[in-house]
PDB file of N, CA and C in Angstrom:
ATOM      1  N   MET A   1      -6.427 -23.873 -24.532  1.00  0.00           N
ATOM      2  CA  MET A   1      -6.003 -23.903 -23.550  1.00  0.00           C
ATOM      3  C   MET A   1      -5.207 -22.653 -23.441  1.00  0.00           C
ATOM      4  N   GLY A   2      -5.215 -21.815 -24.510  1.00  0.00           N
ATOM      5  CA  GLY A   2      -4.229 -20.515 -24.657  1.00  0.00           C
ATOM      6  C   GLY A   2      -5.850 -19.597 -23.773  1.00  0.00           C
ATOM      7  N   LEU A   3      -6.903 -19.805 -23.948  1.00  0.00           N
ATOM      8  CA  LEU A   3      -7.440 -19.518 -23.723  1.00  0.00           C
ATOM      9  C   LEU A   3      -7.527 -19.617 -22.344  1.00  0.00           C
ATOM     10  N   LEU A   4      -7.921 -19.762 -21.555  1.00  0.00           N
ATOM     11  CA  LEU A   4      -8.300 -20.985 -20.189  1.00  0.00           C
ATOM     12  C   LEU A   4      -6.976 -19.812 -19.031  1.00  0.00           C
ATOM     13  N   ASP A   5      -5.973 -20.344 -20.133  1.00  0.00           N
ATOM     14  CA  ASP A   5      -4.803 -19.662 -19.286  1.00  0.00           C
ATOM     15  C   ASP A   5      -5.285 -18.187 -18.790  1.00  0.00           C
ATOM     16  N   SER A   6      -5.357 -17.202 -19.861  1.00  0.00           N
ATOM     17  CA  SER A   6      -6.275 -16.503 -20.631  1.00  0.00           C
ATOM     18  C   SER A   6      -6.708 -15.645 -19.402  1.00  0.00           C
ATOM     19  N   PHE A   7      -8.142 -16.418 -19.175  1.00  0.00           N
ATOM     20  CA  PHE A   7      -9.071 -16.550 -18.455  1.00  0.00           C
ATOM     21  C   PHE A   7      -8.483 -16.196 -16.886  1.00  0.00           C
ATOM     22  N   GLY A   8      -7.897 -17.731 -16.644  1.00  0.00           N
ATOM     23  CA  GLY A   8      -7.241 -17.839 -14.986  1.00  0.00           C
ATOM     24  C   GLY A   8      -6.042 -16.616 -14.765  1.00  0.00           C
ATOM     25  N   MET A   9      -5.567 -16.510 -15.701  1.00  0.00           N
ATOM     26  CA  MET A   9      -4.848 -14.718 -15.174  1.00  0.00           C
ATOM     27  C   MET A   9      -5.542 -13.465 -15.053  1.00  0.00           C
ATOM     28  N   LEU A  10      -6.296 -13.534 -15.648  1.00  0.00           N
ATOM     29  CA  LEU A  10      -7.397 -12.310 -15.103  1.00  0.00           C
ATOM     30  C   LEU A  10      -7.823 -12.454 -14.397  1.00  0.00           C
ATOM     31  N   VAL A  11      -8.932 -13.920 -13.890  1.00  0.00           N
ATOM     32  CA  VAL A  11      -9.234 -14.533 -12.296  1.00  0.00           C
ATOM     33  C   VAL A  11      -7.848 -13.882 -11.529  1.00  0.00           C
ATOM     34  N   SER A  12      -7.037 -13.936 -11.483  1.00  0.00           N
ATOM     35  CA  SER A  12      -5.750 -14.286 -10.666  1.00  0.00           C
ATOM     36  C   SER A  12      -5.776 -12.708 -10.166  1.00  0.00           C
ATOM     37  N   SER A  13      -5.264 -12.045 -11.632  1.00  0.00           N
ATOM     38  CA  SER A  13      -4.800 -10.206 -11.656  1.00  0.00           C
ATOM     39  C   SER A  13      -6.817  -9.622 -10.703  1.00  0.00           C
ATOM     40  N   ILE A  14      -7.724 -10.204 -10.614  1.00  0.00           N
ATOM     41  CA  ILE A  14      -9.170  -9.564 -10.310  1.00  0.00           C
ATOM     42  C   ILE A  14      -8.739  -9.940  -8.507  1.00  0.00           C
ATOM     43  N   ILE A  15      -8.378 -11.209  -8.299  1.00  0.00           N
ATOM     44  CA  ILE A  15      -8.244 -11.380  -6.732  1.00  0.00           C
ATOM     45  C   ILE A  15      -7.342 -10.419  -6.490  1.00  0.00           C
ATOM     46  N   ALA A  16      -6.552 -10.527  -6.705  1.00  0.00           N
ATOM     47  CA  ALA A  16      -5.215  -9.503  -6.029  1.00  0.00           C
ATOM     48  C   ALA A  16      -5.183  -8.541  -6.590  1.00  0.00           C
ATOM     49  N   ALA A  17      -5.894  -7.587  -7.203  1.00  0.00           N
ATOM     50  CA  ALA A  17      -6.440  -6.627  -6.680  1.00  0.00           C
ATOM     51  C   ALA A  17      -7.105  -6.100  -6.087  1.00  0.00           C
ATOM     52  N   ILE A  18      -8.083  -6.716  -5.606  1.00  0.00           N
ATOM     53  CA  ILE A  18      -9.076  -7.096  -4.691  1.00  0.00           C
ATOM     54  C   ILE A  18      -8.270  -7.261  -3.475  1.00  0.00           C
ATOM     55  N   VAL A  19      -7.382  -8.109  -2.986  1.00  0.00           N
ATOM     56  CA  VAL A  19      -6.786  -8.037  -2.090  1.00  0.00           C
ATOM     57  C   VAL A  19      -6.283  -7.153  -1.629  1.00  0.00           C
ATOM     58  N   MET A  20      -5.236  -6.215  -2.578  1.00  0.00           N
ATOM     59  CA  MET A  20      -4.185  -5.054  -2.720  1.00  0.00           C
ATOM     60  C   MET A  20      -5.327  -3.987  -2.183  1.00  0.00           C
ATOM     61  N   LEU A  21      -6.870  -4.003  -2.654  1.00  0.00           N
ATOM     62  CA  LEU A  21      -7.526  -3.084  -1.819  1.00  0.00           C
ATOM     63  C   LEU A  21      -8.044  -2.661  -0.184  1.00  0.00           C
ATOM     64  N   VAL A  22      -8.250  -3.895   0.076  1.00  0.00           N
ATOM     65  CA  VAL A  22      -8.428  -4.823   1.331  1.00  0.00           C
ATOM     66  C   VAL A  22      -7.733  -3.982   2.306  1.00  0.00           C
ATOM     67  N   PHE A  23      -5.635  -4.103   1.423  1.00  0.00           N
ATOM     68  CA  PHE A  23      -4.986  -4.230   2.432  1.00  0.00           C
ATOM     69  C   PHE A  23      -4.748  -2.772   2.855  1.00  0.00           C
ATOM     70  N   ALA A  24      -4.921  -1.721   1.485  1.00  0.00           N
ATOM     71  CA  ALA A  24      -4.595  -0.667   1.187  1.00  0.00           C
ATOM     72  C   ALA A  24      -6.243  -0.193   2.134  1.00  0.00           C
ATOM     73  N   ILE A  25      -7.151  -0.387   2.458  1.00  0.00           N
ATOM     74  CA  ILE A  25      -8.397  -0.131   3.754  1.00  0.00           C
ATOM     75  C   ILE A  25      -7.585  -0.042   5.183  1.00  0.00           C
ATOM     76  N   LEU A  26      -7.398  -1.714   5.043  1.00  0.00           N
ATOM     77  CA  LEU A  26      -7.387  -1.653   6.792  1.00  0.00           C
ATOM     78  C   LEU A  26      -5.830  -0.593   6.947  1.00  0.00           C
ATOM     79  N   SER A  27      -4.723  -0.228   5.679  1.00  0.00           N
ATOM     80  CA  SER A  27      -3.733   0.305   6.389  1.00  0.00           C
ATOM     81  C   SER A  27      -3.976   1.854   6.495  1.00  0.00           C
ATOM     82  N   PHE A  28      -5.288   2.340   6.167  1.00  0.00           N
ATOM     83  CA  PHE A  28      -5.962   3.276   6.327  1.00  0.00           C
ATOM     84  C   PHE A  28      -6.668   3.447   7.593  1.00  0.00           C
ATOM     85  N   PHE A  29      -6.977   2.885   7.649  1.00  0.00           N
ATOM     86  CA  PHE A  29      -8.164   2.861   9.151  1.00  0.00           C
ATOM     87  C   PHE A  29      -6.472   2.772  10.259  1.00  0.00           C
ATOM     88  N   PHE A  30      -5.949   1.632  10.040  1.00  0.00           N
ATOM     89  CA  PHE A  30      -4.395   1.700  11.582  1.00  0.00           C
ATOM     90  C   PHE A  30      -3.742   2.645  11.113  1.00  0.00           C
ATOM     91  N   THR A  31      -3.723   3.629  10.353  1.00  0.00           N
ATOM     92  CA  THR A  31      -2.769   5.370  10.116  1.00  0.00           C
ATOM     93  C   THR A  31      -3.890   6.019  10.864  1.00  0.00           C
ATOM     94  N   VAL A  32      -5.027   6.497  10.346  1.00  0.00           N
ATOM     95  CA  VAL A  32      -6.262   6.680  11.556  1.00  0.00           C
ATOM     96  C   VAL A  32      -5.816   7.005  12.760  1.00  0.00           C
ATOM     97  N   PHE A  33      -6.071   5.462  13.342  1.00  0.00           N
ATOM     98  CA  PHE A  33      -5.738   5.207  15.141  1.00  0.00           C
ATOM     99  C   PHE A  33      -4.752   5.959  15.108  1.00  0.00           C
ATOM    100  N   ILE A  34      -3.226   5.109  14.362  1.00  0.00           N
ATOM    101  CA  ILE A  34      -1.986   5.445  14.854  1.00  0.00           C
ATOM    102  C   ILE A  34      -1.764   7.243  14.933  1.00  0.00           C
ATOM    103  N   VAL A  35      -2.630   7.800  13.779  1.00  0.00           N
ATOM    104  CA  VAL A  35      -2.073   9.687  14.078  1.00  0.00           C
ATOM    105  C   VAL A  35      -3.145  10.324  15.015  1.00  0.00           C
ATOM    106  N   GLN A  36      -4.228   9.911  15.727  1.00  0.00           N
ATOM    107  CA  GLN A  36      -5.511  10.412  16.497  1.00  0.00           C
ATOM    108  C   GLN A  36      -4.901   9.896  17.769  1.00  0.00           C
ATOM    109  N   ILE A  37      -3.928   8.761  18.021  1.00  0.00           N
ATOM    110  CA  ILE A  37      -3.632   8.308  19.436  1.00  0.00           C
ATOM    111  C   ILE A  37      -2.147   9.179  19.932  1.00  0.00           C
ATOM    112  N   GLY A  38      -1.445   9.553  18.252  1.00  0.00           N
ATOM    113  CA  GLY A  38      -0.359  10.278  18.827  1.00  0.00           C
ATOM    114  C   GLY A  38      -0.780  12.063  18.655  1.00  0.00           C
ATOM    115  N   ALA A  39      -1.821  11.743  18.079  1.00  0.00           N
ATOM    116  CA  ALA A  39      -1.633  13.641  18.560  1.00  0.00           C
ATOM    117  C   ALA A  39      -2.404  13.454  19.659  1.00  0.00           C
ATOM    118  N   GLY A  40      -3.284  12.588  20.642  1.00  0.00           N
ATOM    119  CA  GLY A  40      -3.567  12.722  21.848  1.00  0.00           C
ATOM    120  C   GLY A  40      -2.100  12.918  22.769  1.00  0.00           C
ATOM    121  N   LEU A  41      -1.269  12.393  22.294  1.00  0.00           N
ATOM    122  CA  LEU A  41      -0.154  11.932  23.264  1.00  0.00           C
ATOM    123  C   LEU A  41       0.527  13.454  23.227  1.00  0.00           C
ATOM    124  N   ALA A  42       0.528  13.961  22.349  1.00  0.00           N
ATOM    125  CA  ALA A  42       1.380  14.989  22.011  1.00  0.00           C
ATOM    126  C   ALA A  42       0.556  16.124  22.737  1.00  0.00           C
ATOM    127  N   GLY A  43      -0.880  16.166  22.909  1.00  0.00           N
ATOM    128  CA  GLY A  43      -1.834  17.523  23.563  1.00  0.00           C
ATOM    129  C   GLY A  43      -2.483  17.861  22.677  1.00  0.00           C
ATOM    130  N   TYR A  44      -2.230  17.593  21.480  1.00  0.00           N
ATOM    131  CA  TYR A  44      -3.777  18.017  20.445  1.00  0.00           C
ATOM    132  C   TYR A  44      -4.684  17.558  20.735  1.00  0.00           C
ATOM    133  N   SER A  45      -5.812  18.097  19.898  1.00  0.00           N
ATOM    134  CA  SER A  45      -7.051  17.829  19.312  1.00  0.00           C
ATOM    135  C   SER A  45      -7.684  18.543  18.588  1.00  0.00           C
ATOM    136  N   PRO A  46      -7.065  17.765  16.992  1.00  0.00           N
ATOM    137  CA  PRO A  46      -6.648  18.093  15.787  1.00  0.00           C
ATOM    138  C   PRO A  46      -8.803  17.815  15.566  1.00  0.00           C
ATOM    139  N   ALA A  47      -9.292  18.589  14.411  1.00  0.00           N
ATOM    140  CA  ALA A  47     -10.635  17.960  13.560  1.00  0.00           C
ATOM    141  C   ALA A  47     -10.379  16.956  13.197  1.00  0.00           C
ATOM    142  N   GLY A  48     -11.506  16.154  12.838  1.00  0.00           N
ATOM    143  CA  GLY A  48     -11.684  15.257  12.178  1.00  0.00           C
ATOM    144  C   GLY A  48     -11.145  14.900  10.510  1.00  0.00           C
ATOM    145  N   ASP A  49     -10.960  15.649  10.313  1.00  0.00           N
ATOM    146  CA  ASP A  49     -10.908  16.002   8.798  1.00  0.00           C
ATOM    147  C   ASP A  49      -9.463  15.920   8.334  1.00  0.00           C
ATOM    148  N   PHE A  50      -8.630  16.981   9.730  1.00  0.00           N
ATOM    149  CA  PHE A  50      -6.999  16.748   9.439  1.00  0.00           C
ATOM    150  C   PHE A  50      -6.773  15.922   9.445  1.00  0.00           C
ATOM    151  N   VAL A  51      -7.452  15.111  10.783  1.00  0.00           N
ATOM    152  CA  VAL A  51      -6.706  13.278  11.186  1.00  0.00           C
ATOM    153  C   VAL A  51      -6.697  12.459   9.951  1.00  0.00           C
ATOM    154  N   VAL A  52      -7.917  12.870   9.151  1.00  0.00           N
ATOM    155  CA  VAL A  52      -8.202  11.655   7.595  1.00  0.00           C
ATOM    156  C   VAL A  52      -7.079  11.851   7.075  1.00  0.00           C
ATOM    157  N   LEU A  53      -6.969  13.771   6.712  1.00  0.00           N
ATOM    158  CA  LEU A  53      -5.875  14.358   5.747  1.00  0.00           C
ATOM    159  C   LEU A  53      -4.506  13.405   5.642  1.00  0.00           C
ATOM    160  N   SER A  54      -4.060  13.874   6.877  1.00  0.00           N
ATOM    161  CA  SER A  54      -2.643  12.993   7.441  1.00  0.00           C
ATOM    162  C   SER A  54      -3.158  12.074   7.431  1.00  0.00           C
ATOM    163  N   ALA A  55      -3.998  10.968   7.517  1.00  0.00           N
ATOM    164  CA  ALA A  55      -3.921   9.463   7.192  1.00  0.00           C
ATOM    165  C   ALA A  55      -3.781   8.938   5.805  1.00  0.00           C
ATOM    166  N   ALA A  56      -4.581   9.810   5.058  1.00  0.00           N
ATOM    167  CA  ALA A  56      -4.315   9.544   4.000  1.00  0.00           C
ATOM    168  C   ALA A  56      -3.092   9.655   3.321  1.00  0.00           C
ATOM    169  N   ILE A  57      -2.389  10.768   3.668  1.00  0.00           N
ATOM    170  CA  ILE A  57      -0.869  11.477   2.775  1.00  0.00           C
ATOM    171  C   ILE A  57      -0.108  10.260   3.100  1.00  0.00           C
ATOM    172  N   LEU A  58      -0.221   9.969   4.188  1.00  0.00           N
ATOM    173  CA  LEU A  58       0.940   8.515   5.207  1.00  0.00           C
ATOM    174  C   LEU A  58       0.628   7.281   4.464  1.00  0.00           C
ATOM    175  N   SER A  59      -0.501   7.318   4.307  1.00  0.00           N
ATOM    176  CA  SER A  59      -0.724   5.988   3.833  1.00  0.00           C
ATOM    177  C   SER A  59      -0.867   5.792   2.119  1.00  0.00           C
ATOM    178  N   ALA A  60      -1.250   6.897   1.849  1.00  0.00           N
ATOM    179  CA  ALA A  60      -0.496   6.553   0.078  1.00  0.00           C
ATOM    180  C   ALA A  60       0.961   6.894  -0.149  1.00  0.00           C
ATOM    181  N   SER A  61       1.515   7.077   1.035  1.00  0.00           N
ATOM    182  CA  SER A  61       3.259   7.991   0.572  1.00  0.00           C
ATOM    183  C   SER A  61       4.022   6.174   1.031  1.00  0.00           C
ATOM    184  N   ALA A  62       3.034   5.428   1.747  1.00  0.00           N
ATOM    185  CA  ALA A  62       3.202   4.181   1.638  1.00  0.00           C
ATOM    186  C   ALA A  62       3.341   3.010   1.109  1.00  0.00           C
ATOM    187  N   ILE A  63       1.901   3.338   0.558  1.00  0.00           N
ATOM    188  CA  ILE A  63       1.790   2.108  -0.831  1.00  0.00           C
ATOM    189  C   ILE A  63       2.423   2.989  -2.282  1.00  0.00           C
ATOM    190  N   MET A  64       2.673   4.016  -2.220  1.00  0.00           N
ATOM    191  CA  MET A  64       3.709   4.259  -3.723  1.00  0.00           C
ATOM    192  C   MET A  64       5.191   3.696  -3.293  1.00  0.00           C
ATOM    193  N   ALA A  65       5.641   4.258  -1.910  1.00  0.00           N
ATOM    194  CA  ALA A  65       7.072   2.980  -1.801  1.00  0.00           C
ATOM    195  C   ALA A  65       7.239   2.061  -1.789  1.00  0.00           C
ATOM    196  N   GLY A  66       5.767   1.091  -1.263  1.00  0.00           N
ATOM    197  CA  GLY A  66       6.034  -0.258  -1.473  1.00  0.00           C
ATOM    198  C   GLY A  66       5.742  -0.469  -2.825  1.00  0.00           C
ATOM    199  N   ALA A  67       5.570  -0.395  -3.475  1.00  0.00           N
ATOM    200  CA  ALA A  67       5.474  -0.583  -5.290  1.00  0.00           C
ATOM    201  C   ALA A  67       6.641   0.380  -6.067  1.00  0.00           C
ATOM    202  N   SER A  68       7.252   1.177  -5.436  1.00  0.00           N
ATOM    203  CA  SER A  68       8.365   1.461  -6.251  1.00  0.00           C
ATOM    204  C   SER A  68       9.922   0.498  -6.168  1.00  0.00           C
ATOM    205  N   PRO A  69       9.907   0.009  -7.037  1.00  0.00           N
ATOM    206  CA  PRO A  69      11.145  -0.828  -7.320  1.00  0.00           C
ATOM    207  C   PRO A  69      12.931  -0.040  -6.702  1.00  0.00           C
ATOM    208  N   MET A  70      13.037  -0.346  -4.966  1.00  0.00           N
ATOM    209  CA  MET A  70      14.331   0.082  -4.875  1.00  0.00           C
ATOM    210  C   MET A  70      15.930  -0.488  -5.382  1.00  0.00           C
ATOM    211  N   SER A  71      15.359  -1.458  -5.942  1.00  0.00           N
ATOM    212  CA  SER A  71      16.994  -2.663  -5.785  1.00  0.00           C
ATOM    213  C   SER A  71      17.873  -1.758  -6.599  1.00  0.00           C
ATOM    214  N   SER A  72      17.506  -1.312  -7.115  1.00  0.00           N
ATOM    215  CA  SER A  72      18.527   0.535  -8.008  1.00  0.00           C
ATOM    216  C   SER A  72      19.156   1.081  -6.864  1.00  0.00           C
ATOM    217  N   LEU A  73      18.259   1.140  -6.230  1.00  0.00           N
ATOM    218  CA  LEU A  73      18.817   2.245  -4.910  1.00  0.00           C
ATOM    219  C   LEU A  73      20.243   1.579  -3.919  1.00  0.00           C
ATOM    220  N   SER A  74      19.654   0.035  -4.227  1.00  0.00           N
ATOM    221  CA  SER A  74      20.969  -0.668  -2.603  1.00  0.00           C
ATOM    222  C   SER A  74      21.936  -1.032  -3.329  1.00  0.00           C
ATOM    223  N   GLY A  75      22.527  -1.192  -4.686  1.00  0.00           N
ATOM    224  CA  GLY A  75      23.690  -1.027  -5.116  1.00  0.00           C
ATOM    225  C   GLY A  75      24.283  -2.621  -5.636  1.00  0.00           C
ATOM    226  N   LEU A  76      22.770  -3.389  -4.785  1.00  0.00           N
ATOM    227  CA  LEU A  76      22.770  -4.593  -5.223  1.00  0.00           C
ATOM    228  C   LEU A  76      22.456  -5.559  -6.341  1.00  0.00           C
ATOM    229  N   PRO A  77      22.847  -6.459  -6.624  1.00  0.00           N
ATOM    230  CA  PRO A  77      22.213  -6.926  -8.175  1.00  0.00           C
ATOM    231  C   PRO A  77      21.093  -7.493  -8.429  1.00  0.00           C
ATOM    232  N   ASP A  78      19.956  -7.153  -9.461  1.00  0.00           N
ATOM    233  CA  ASP A  78      18.836  -7.706  -9.955  1.00  0.00           C
ATOM    234  C   ASP A  78      18.703  -8.803  -9.735  1.00  0.00           C
ATOM    235  N   THR A  79      18.230  -9.438  -8.946  1.00  0.00           N
ATOM    236  CA  THR A  79      17.873 -11.074  -9.137  1.00  0.00           C
ATOM    237  C   THR A  79      16.818 -11.339  -9.055  1.00  0.00           C
ATOM    238  N   ASP A  80      16.189 -10.878  -9.843  1.00  0.00           N
ATOM    239  CA  ASP A  80      14.818 -11.141 -10.949  1.00  0.00           C
ATOM    240  C   ASP A  80      15.153 -12.048 -12.244  1.00  0.00           C
ATOM    241  N   SER A  81      14.127 -13.027 -12.202  1.00  0.00           N
ATOM    242  CA  SER A  81      14.491 -13.892 -13.105  1.00  0.00           C
ATOM    243  C   SER A  81      13.902 -13.796 -14.498  1.00  0.00           C
ATOM    244  N   ARG A  82      13.645 -12.453 -14.841  1.00  0.00           N
ATOM    245  CA  ARG A  82      13.383 -11.978 -16.420  1.00  0.00           C
ATOM    246  C   ARG A  82      14.530 -11.575 -16.700  1.00  0.00           C
ATOM    247  N   SER A  83      15.435 -10.736 -15.777  1.00  0.00           N
ATOM    248  CA  SER A  83      16.408 -10.078 -16.228  1.00  0.00           C
ATOM    249  C   SER A  83      17.664 -11.031 -16.283  1.00  0.00           C
ATOM    250  N   GLN A  84      17.383 -12.663 -16.313  1.00  0.00           N
ATOM    251  CA  GLN A  84      18.564 -13.113 -16.857  1.00  0.00           C
ATOM    252  C   GLN A  84      18.477 -13.583 -18.313  1.00  0.00           C
TER     253      GLN A  84
END
């Protein structure tokens, strides 16, 4: 049973990584669209490489911020079951 459980955890980790990668790519495409529309509304016409650069910075910072544990900053007690 131990080997089967380990294999199941490996498969679920791989599936989770693939899903996270898909969501990161979708987030990047959406951010490129938002940056392009925002620049157009402001009257700017930036080159494509600057649009992609700014979208990459925004997407990466959003992904890193979502992955960081912010419960210590809120002052609320940790409700994670592992800490009990």
